[in-house]
Amino acid sequence: MTREEVLSLTEKIVSGTATDEELVQYNRLFAAFTQETEWDNTVLGDQQMIGEAIRERIQMTIDKPAGRVVNISWRRWSVAAGIALLLSGGYFFYQRGQVAPLPPQAERFKNDIAAPAGNHAVLTLSNGQKILLDSAGNGRLAMQGNVNISMNTSGQVVYNGDDSKSAMNTIEVPPGSKPIAIILADGTEVWIDAASALTYPTAFTGSTRTVTVTGQAYFEVAPNSKQPFRVQNGTDGSTVEVLGTNFNIKAFGQEQKVKTTLFNGAVAISTTNARQQLQPGEQAVVNNRGTIRVTTEADLKEVLAWKEGLFYFNGTDIPTIMADLQRYYDIEVVYQANVNDEFVARIPRDVPVSQLLNLLEMTNLVHFKIEGRKVTVIR
């Protein structure tokens, strides 16, 4: 291949227009970066210069509004992961050093960890009774006053009925669980992610509809201008105020940032220090000092990937990726090396953890070892 053909092929891979044959061809080219004896300087030119040119061409394509994300199915991603995993903050090809050889991947991944087989959420009623939702079955779960709590055929927890008195219930979704959806008494739908919880009244009787969330949840709020909906963050005490809208809130305590992303309608974020209203497509990031920063650069597909059954990383660092895997697969993550590069990956959530780790490993920039439920990050 000539230099021009290499760069043309790069553009096809990044834009998602490459054929399967071209994906295989590029994967071989990427492998050549780690095997100097296969690189033809006479035809392709200086290897380092070509690597830099390819990285710049990738960045140019990614930065275009219509091409921020490579739209390739996960099976095709795995064929050419060397390019699909964009190293936007580091280098393109692997810099080899004097390190001990790694054991084969088959040995390092022999203790694979399967994706969660079901939902392990626990519903706690106002009287302290706990209901394990994965074994409860469809139909009535409990009565709280005049409000009936049931599980529908889609696996959603549904509250039906009206009551002048209200009791507080909590749904907790532990690590290693699929998300669960709930329909509150006012018709608001909430999806709750792994390692997250929602506390809410069985009936909304006051001047506002107030719930509390820790972790990550997506809301589709039923409109009611006479009774505004409020989401209190159980991590930092900030509040999201809405009338009727769709938004996602991510408030895992260990991340020290709360991200609220608005899809439709309007919301206002309030802390002890600030207040900020969002428009659709905007994301508010609240730090541990109560400061609010609003951005329009959030990838909305990435924000909602968990609800759609996907892992979707678009320029994401390894600590953030591993934090998501830790919550979903209920694993322990240990670091033997710091990996500062950023990656792009897209893969279904119903696959074993080795599938995603293998995708990341194909860059030759990071490797992993699975021991029991512990995953070690190594170079």
Protein backbone atom coordinates (compact mmCIF):
# COMPACT_ATOMS: atom_id res chain seq x y z
CA MET A 1 0.00 0.00 0.00
CA THR A 2 1.15 3.52 -0.68
CA ARG A 3 1.05 6.34 1.85
CA GLU A 4 -2.04 7.80 0.15
CA GLU A 5 -3.82 4.43 0.26
CA VAL A 6 -3.05 4.08 3.98
CA LEU A 7 -4.58 7.48 4.77
CA SER A 8 -7.60 6.81 2.55
CA LEU A 9 -8.18 3.52 4.31
CA THR A 10 -7.91 5.29 7.68
CA GLU A 11 -10.68 7.71 6.73
CA LYS A 12 -12.96 4.83 5.71
CA ILE A 13 -12.39 3.03 9.01
CA VAL A 14 -13.08 6.11 11.15
CA SER A 15 -16.16 7.16 9.16
CA GLY A 16 -17.60 3.64 9.33
CA THR A 17 -17.72 3.13 5.53
CA ALA A 18 -15.02 0.45 5.26
CA THR A 19 -15.92 -3.00 4.00
CA ASP A 20 -15.11 -6.12 6.01
CA GLU A 21 -12.15 -6.75 3.70
CA GLU A 22 -10.84 -3.24 4.33
CA LEU A 23 -11.26 -3.71 8.08
CA VAL A 24 -9.12 -6.85 7.95
CA GLN A 25 -6.60 -5.02 5.76
CA TYR A 26 -6.35 -2.18 8.27
CA ASN A 27 -6.01 -4.56 11.18
CA ARG A 28 -2.96 -6.07 9.45
CA LEU A 29 -1.58 -2.60 8.88
CA PHE A 30 -2.02 -1.73 12.56
CA ALA A 31 -0.18 -4.93 13.51
CA ALA A 32 2.71 -3.79 11.35
CA PHE A 33 3.29 -0.86 13.70
CA THR A 34 4.36 -3.32 16.39
CA GLN A 35 6.51 -5.46 14.09
CA GLU A 36 9.16 -3.36 12.44
CA THR A 37 10.32 -6.16 10.14
CA GLU A 38 6.98 -6.01 8.32
CA TRP A 39 7.13 -2.26 7.66
CA ASP A 40 8.21 -1.28 4.15
CA ASN A 41 9.88 2.15 4.39
CA THR A 42 10.48 2.22 0.65
CA VAL A 43 6.75 2.07 -0.16
CA LEU A 44 5.11 3.57 2.96
CA GLY A 45 7.75 6.01 4.12
CA ASP A 46 8.93 6.67 7.65
CA GLN A 47 6.89 4.62 10.12
CA GLN A 48 6.64 7.28 12.82
CA MET A 49 5.62 9.98 10.33
CA ILE A 50 2.91 7.74 8.91
CA GLY A 51 1.66 6.97 12.42
CA GLU A 52 1.37 10.67 13.21
CA ALA A 53 -0.36 11.35 9.89
CA ILE A 54 -2.89 8.60 10.57
CA ARG A 55 -3.57 9.92 14.07
CA GLU A 56 -4.14 13.43 12.72
CA ARG A 57 -6.47 12.10 10.02
CA ILE A 58 -8.45 10.21 12.67
CA GLN A 59 -8.77 13.32 14.82
CA MET A 60 -9.92 15.42 11.86
CA THR A 61 -12.64 12.90 11.06
CA ILE A 62 -13.73 12.48 14.68
CA ASP A 63 -13.96 16.25 15.16
CA LYS A 64 -16.47 16.64 12.33
CA PRO A 65 -20.02 16.98 13.74
CA ALA A 66 -21.32 14.14 11.60
CA GLY A 67 -18.39 11.86 12.39
CA ARG A 68 -17.76 12.04 16.12
CA VAL A 69 -18.53 8.34 16.58
CA VAL A 70 -17.51 5.44 14.39
CA ASN A 71 -20.77 3.68 13.60
CA ILE A 72 -19.60 0.08 13.41
CA SER A 73 -21.22 -2.93 15.04
CA TRP A 74 -19.23 -4.50 17.87
CA ARG A 75 -18.27 -7.51 15.77
CA ARG A 76 -16.74 -5.23 13.13
CA TRP A 77 -15.13 -3.13 15.84
CA SER A 78 -13.36 -6.23 17.12
CA VAL A 79 -11.89 -6.87 13.67
CA ALA A 80 -10.21 -3.47 13.49
CA ALA A 81 -9.98 -2.43 17.10
CA GLY A 82 -6.59 -0.88 16.47
CA ILE A 83 -8.30 2.07 14.78
CA ALA A 84 -11.71 1.87 16.45
CA LEU A 85 -10.06 2.56 19.79
CA LEU A 86 -9.04 6.16 19.24
CA LEU A 87 -6.08 7.32 21.26
CA SER A 88 -7.06 10.96 21.24
CA GLY A 89 -4.88 11.86 24.18
CA GLY A 90 -1.83 9.76 23.45
CA TYR A 91 0.03 8.11 20.62
CA PHE A 92 -1.26 5.94 17.81
CA PHE A 93 1.08 3.04 17.66
CA TYR A 94 2.60 0.96 20.43
CA GLN A 95 5.93 2.12 21.84
CA ARG A 96 7.76 -0.99 22.92
CA GLY A 97 10.03 -0.99 25.93
CA GLN A 98 12.04 -3.47 27.91
CA VAL A 99 9.18 -5.19 29.76
CA ALA A 100 8.57 -8.75 30.80
CA PRO A 101 6.53 -10.70 28.23
CA LEU A 102 2.84 -11.06 29.01
CA PRO A 103 1.27 -14.49 29.42
CA PRO A 104 -1.07 -15.39 26.54
CA GLN A 105 -4.52 -13.83 26.68
CA ALA A 106 -6.14 -17.26 26.94
CA GLU A 107 -4.29 -17.75 30.21
CA ARG A 108 -4.98 -14.26 31.55
CA PHE A 109 -8.70 -14.47 30.66
CA LYS A 110 -9.34 -18.07 31.68
CA ASN A 111 -11.47 -16.93 34.65
CA ASP A 112 -13.96 -14.96 32.57
CA ILE A 113 -16.86 -13.10 34.19
CA ALA A 114 -20.29 -13.36 32.61
CA ALA A 115 -22.65 -10.41 32.19
CA PRO A 116 -25.47 -10.17 34.75
CA ALA A 117 -28.11 -12.77 33.92
CA GLY A 118 -30.98 -10.80 35.43
CA ASN A 119 -32.11 -8.03 37.69
CA HIS A 120 -31.22 -8.33 41.37
CA ALA A 121 -33.01 -5.20 42.57
CA VAL A 122 -34.51 -5.05 46.06
CA LEU A 123 -37.72 -3.12 46.84
CA THR A 124 -37.94 -1.91 50.44
CA LEU A 125 -41.42 -0.93 51.62
CA SER A 126 -42.21 1.69 54.25
CA ASN A 127 -42.62 -1.00 56.92
CA GLY A 128 -39.13 -2.36 56.24
CA GLN A 129 -40.28 -5.40 54.26
CA LYS A 130 -37.88 -6.27 51.44
CA ILE A 131 -38.97 -7.83 48.16
CA LEU A 132 -36.41 -9.49 45.87
CA LEU A 133 -37.66 -8.43 42.46
CA ASP A 134 -35.82 -11.04 40.38
CA SER A 135 -37.76 -13.82 42.09
CA ALA A 136 -41.06 -12.01 42.68
CA GLY A 137 -42.70 -12.83 39.35
CA ASN A 138 -45.36 -10.83 37.51
CA GLY A 139 -48.47 -9.51 39.23
CA ARG A 140 -49.06 -7.89 42.59
CA LEU A 141 -46.02 -7.34 44.79
CA ALA A 142 -47.61 -5.44 47.70
CA MET A 143 -50.21 -2.87 48.77
CA GLN A 144 -49.18 0.42 50.37
CA GLY A 145 -52.37 2.04 51.60
CA ASN A 146 -54.62 2.34 48.53
CA VAL A 147 -51.70 2.04 46.10
CA ASN A 148 -51.12 -1.28 44.36
CA ILE A 149 -47.52 -2.24 43.55
CA SER A 150 -47.10 -4.79 40.77
CA MET A 151 -44.64 -6.17 38.24
CA ASN A 152 -45.82 -6.02 34.63
CA THR A 153 -44.88 -8.41 31.84
CA SER A 154 -42.07 -6.07 30.71
CA GLY A 155 -40.37 -6.36 34.11
CA GLN A 156 -41.33 -2.85 35.23
CA VAL A 157 -42.42 -2.09 38.79
CA VAL A 158 -45.72 -0.21 38.53
CA TYR A 159 -47.52 1.91 41.15
CA ASN A 160 -51.29 2.30 40.60
CA GLY A 161 -53.82 4.08 42.77
CA ASP A 162 -54.42 7.30 44.66
CA ASP A 163 -54.06 7.92 48.36
CA SER A 164 -54.26 10.93 50.66
CA LYS A 165 -51.40 9.47 52.67
CA SER A 166 -47.98 8.68 51.31
CA ALA A 167 -45.33 6.15 52.32
CA MET A 168 -41.69 6.09 51.24
CA ASN A 169 -40.33 3.17 49.23
CA THR A 170 -36.81 2.48 47.93
CA ILE A 171 -35.52 0.40 45.03
CA GLU A 172 -31.84 -0.54 45.22
CA VAL A 173 -30.07 -2.04 42.21
CA PRO A 174 -26.81 -3.63 43.38
CA PRO A 175 -23.57 -3.97 41.39
CA GLY A 176 -23.71 -6.94 39.04
CA SER A 177 -27.34 -6.34 38.09
CA LYS A 178 -29.20 -5.32 34.98
CA PRO A 179 -31.02 -1.96 35.21
CA ILE A 180 -34.68 -1.88 36.20
CA ALA A 181 -37.55 0.40 35.22
CA ILE A 182 -40.28 1.74 37.49
CA ILE A 183 -43.52 3.64 36.81
CA LEU A 184 -44.34 5.95 39.70
CA ALA A 185 -47.87 6.78 40.86
CA ASP A 186 -47.97 9.95 38.73
CA GLY A 187 -46.97 8.08 35.55
CA THR A 188 -43.31 9.17 35.61
CA GLU A 189 -41.00 6.45 34.30
CA VAL A 190 -37.54 5.94 35.79
CA TRP A 191 -34.77 3.58 34.67
CA ILE A 192 -32.27 2.76 37.46
CA ASP A 193 -28.76 1.56 36.67
CA ALA A 194 -26.55 -0.94 38.54
CA ALA A 195 -25.08 0.32 41.84
CA SER A 196 -27.90 2.88 42.07
CA ALA A 197 -30.99 3.52 44.18
CA LEU A 198 -34.22 5.53 44.06
CA THR A 199 -36.30 6.60 47.06
CA TYR A 200 -39.82 7.91 46.32
CA PRO A 201 -43.32 8.24 47.77
CA THR A 202 -46.04 5.74 46.95
CA ALA A 203 -48.33 8.70 46.16
CA PHE A 204 -47.53 12.36 45.48
CA THR A 205 -49.67 14.32 47.92
CA GLY A 206 -47.81 17.58 48.50
CA SER A 207 -47.14 20.68 46.41
CA THR A 208 -44.12 19.01 44.78
CA ARG A 209 -43.19 15.53 43.60
CA THR A 210 -39.83 14.77 45.23
CA VAL A 211 -37.62 11.69 44.84
CA THR A 212 -34.00 10.97 45.81
CA VAL A 213 -31.46 9.19 43.61
CA THR A 214 -27.96 7.88 44.16
CA GLY A 215 -25.99 6.50 41.23
CA GLN A 216 -27.46 6.77 37.74
CA ALA A 217 -31.07 7.05 36.57
CA TYR A 218 -32.96 8.23 33.50
CA PHE A 219 -36.29 10.05 33.97
CA GLU A 220 -39.28 10.60 31.71
CA VAL A 221 -41.33 12.90 33.92
CA ALA A 222 -45.11 13.08 33.58
CA PRO A 223 -46.11 16.76 33.06
CA ASN A 224 -47.94 18.50 35.91
CA SER A 225 -47.41 22.26 36.13
CA LYS A 226 -49.27 22.41 39.46
CA GLN A 227 -46.93 19.88 41.08
CA PRO A 228 -43.30 20.32 39.94
CA PHE A 229 -41.04 17.26 39.98
CA ARG A 230 -37.80 17.41 41.94
CA VAL A 231 -34.90 14.96 42.01
CA GLN A 232 -32.63 15.27 45.02
CA ASN A 233 -29.12 13.89 44.66
CA GLY A 234 -28.32 11.65 47.59
CA THR A 235 -24.60 12.20 47.05
CA ASP A 236 -24.17 15.97 47.25
CA GLY A 237 -27.65 17.32 48.01
CA SER A 238 -28.09 19.15 44.70
CA THR A 239 -31.58 19.27 43.21
CA VAL A 240 -32.98 18.97 39.70
CA GLU A 241 -36.32 20.76 39.27
CA VAL A 242 -38.57 19.92 36.30
CA LEU A 243 -42.16 20.18 35.07
CA GLY A 244 -42.18 17.53 32.37
CA THR A 245 -39.03 16.39 30.63
CA ASN A 246 -36.54 13.62 29.79
CA PHE A 247 -33.12 13.71 31.44
CA ASN A 248 -30.34 11.50 32.79
CA ILE A 249 -28.57 12.01 36.10
CA LYS A 250 -25.25 10.32 36.96
CA ALA A 251 -24.28 10.76 40.60
CA PHE A 252 -21.87 8.04 41.68
CA GLY A 253 -20.13 9.30 44.81
CA GLN A 254 -16.65 8.01 43.96
CA GLU A 255 -16.56 10.09 40.76
CA GLN A 256 -16.96 13.38 42.73
CA LYS A 257 -18.99 14.87 39.89
CA VAL A 258 -22.72 14.85 39.23
CA LYS A 259 -23.75 15.01 35.58
CA THR A 260 -27.29 15.91 34.55
CA THR A 261 -28.01 15.68 30.82
CA LEU A 262 -31.22 17.10 29.35
CA PHE A 263 -32.86 15.52 26.30
CA ASN A 264 -36.26 17.26 26.18
CA GLY A 265 -38.00 20.03 28.11
CA ALA A 266 -36.22 22.17 30.68
CA VAL A 267 -34.66 21.60 34.08
CA ALA A 268 -32.94 23.76 36.67
CA ILE A 269 -29.95 22.51 38.69
CA SER A 270 -29.60 23.94 42.19
CA THR A 271 -26.78 23.64 44.73
CA THR A 272 -25.97 25.57 47.87
CA ASN A 273 -23.78 27.87 45.76
CA ALA A 274 -25.43 28.15 42.36
CA ARG A 275 -28.45 27.61 40.13
CA GLN A 276 -28.42 26.93 36.40
CA GLN A 277 -31.16 26.17 33.87
CA LEU A 278 -30.51 23.70 31.05
CA GLN A 279 -31.75 23.54 27.49
CA PRO A 280 -32.12 20.28 25.51
CA GLY A 281 -28.73 18.87 24.55
CA GLU A 282 -26.94 20.53 27.45
CA GLN A 283 -25.20 18.82 30.36
CA ALA A 284 -24.57 20.28 33.81
CA VAL A 285 -21.53 19.06 35.74
CA VAL A 286 -21.58 19.77 39.48
CA ASN A 287 -18.33 19.35 41.40
CA ASN A 288 -17.90 18.66 45.11
CA ARG A 289 -17.78 22.42 45.84
CA GLY A 290 -21.27 22.95 44.43
CA THR A 291 -20.04 24.74 41.31
CA ILE A 292 -22.07 24.14 38.14
CA ARG A 293 -20.48 23.96 34.69
CA VAL A 294 -22.73 23.68 31.62
CA THR A 295 -21.52 22.11 28.39
CA THR A 296 -23.04 21.36 24.99
CA GLU A 297 -20.29 18.88 24.11
CA ALA A 298 -21.69 15.80 25.85
CA ASP A 299 -22.23 12.81 23.57
CA LEU A 300 -25.94 12.06 24.10
CA LYS A 301 -25.60 8.54 22.70
CA GLU A 302 -22.85 7.82 25.19
CA VAL A 303 -24.93 9.19 28.08
CA LEU A 304 -27.87 6.89 27.30
CA ALA A 305 -25.89 3.82 26.23
CA TRP A 306 -26.44 2.07 29.59
CA LYS A 307 -30.22 2.34 29.20
CA GLU A 308 -30.01 0.95 25.66
CA GLY A 309 -27.97 -2.07 26.77
CA LEU A 310 -24.59 -0.84 25.52
CA PHE A 311 -21.14 0.07 26.70
CA TYR A 312 -20.29 3.10 24.60
CA PHE A 313 -17.10 5.05 25.24
CA ASN A 314 -16.17 8.05 23.11
CA GLY A 315 -12.75 9.35 24.11
CA THR A 316 -12.98 7.82 27.60
CA ASP A 317 -10.05 7.08 29.92
CA ILE A 318 -9.35 3.70 31.48
CA PRO A 319 -10.35 4.64 35.09
CA THR A 320 -13.80 5.75 33.86
CA ILE A 321 -14.22 2.64 31.72
CA MET A 322 -13.18 0.34 34.55
CA ALA A 323 -15.52 2.12 37.00
CA ASP A 324 -18.44 1.31 34.70
CA LEU A 325 -17.32 -2.32 34.40
CA GLN A 326 -16.87 -2.54 38.16
CA ARG A 327 -20.46 -1.50 38.79
CA TYR A 328 -22.01 -3.62 36.06
CA TYR A 329 -20.03 -6.85 36.45
CA ASP A 330 -19.55 -6.49 40.23
CA ILE A 331 -15.77 -6.83 39.96
CA GLU A 332 -12.78 -5.50 41.85
CA VAL A 333 -10.35 -3.43 39.77
CA VAL A 334 -6.65 -3.28 40.61
CA TYR A 335 -4.07 -1.12 38.82
CA GLN A 336 -0.50 -2.24 38.22
CA ALA A 337 0.04 0.54 35.67
CA ASN A 338 -1.31 3.99 34.84
CA VAL A 339 -2.89 4.21 31.39
CA ASN A 340 -3.48 7.81 30.37
CA ASP A 341 -4.78 7.22 26.85
CA GLU A 342 -8.41 7.69 25.84
CA PHE A 343 -10.42 5.08 24.00
CA VAL A 344 -13.51 4.67 21.85
CA ALA A 345 -15.45 1.42 22.08
CA ARG A 346 -19.00 0.22 21.53
CA ILE A 347 -20.18 -3.23 22.59
CA PRO A 348 -23.38 -4.80 24.00
CA ARG A 349 -23.72 -5.22 27.75
CA ASP A 350 -24.80 -8.85 27.47
CA VAL A 351 -21.30 -10.19 26.72
CA PRO A 352 -18.67 -11.51 29.17
CA VAL A 353 -16.21 -8.92 30.45
CA SER A 354 -13.44 -10.50 28.36
CA GLN A 355 -15.11 -9.30 25.15
CA LEU A 356 -14.65 -5.65 26.07
CA LEU A 357 -11.21 -6.18 27.59
CA ASN A 358 -10.11 -7.93 24.41
CA LEU A 359 -11.31 -4.96 22.36
CA LEU A 360 -9.22 -2.60 24.48
CA GLU A 361 -6.20 -4.92 24.37
CA MET A 362 -6.07 -4.88 20.59
CA THR A 363 -4.52 -1.41 20.77
CA ASN A 364 -1.47 -2.91 22.54
CA LEU A 365 -1.67 0.05 24.95
CA VAL A 366 -3.31 -1.73 27.85
CA HIS A 367 -3.71 -5.32 28.99
CA PHE A 368 -5.68 -7.10 31.69
CA LYS A 369 -5.69 -10.17 33.89
CA ILE A 370 -8.83 -11.80 35.35
CA GLU A 371 -8.52 -13.64 38.66
CA GLY A 372 -11.80 -14.64 40.26
CA ARG A 373 -13.78 -11.40 40.31
CA LYS A 374 -10.64 -9.24 40.26
CA VAL A 375 -9.49 -7.55 37.06
CA THR A 376 -5.95 -6.17 37.04
CA VAL A 377 -4.96 -3.37 34.65
CA ILE A 378 -1.42 -3.86 33.30
CA ARG A 379 0.65 -2.45 30.46
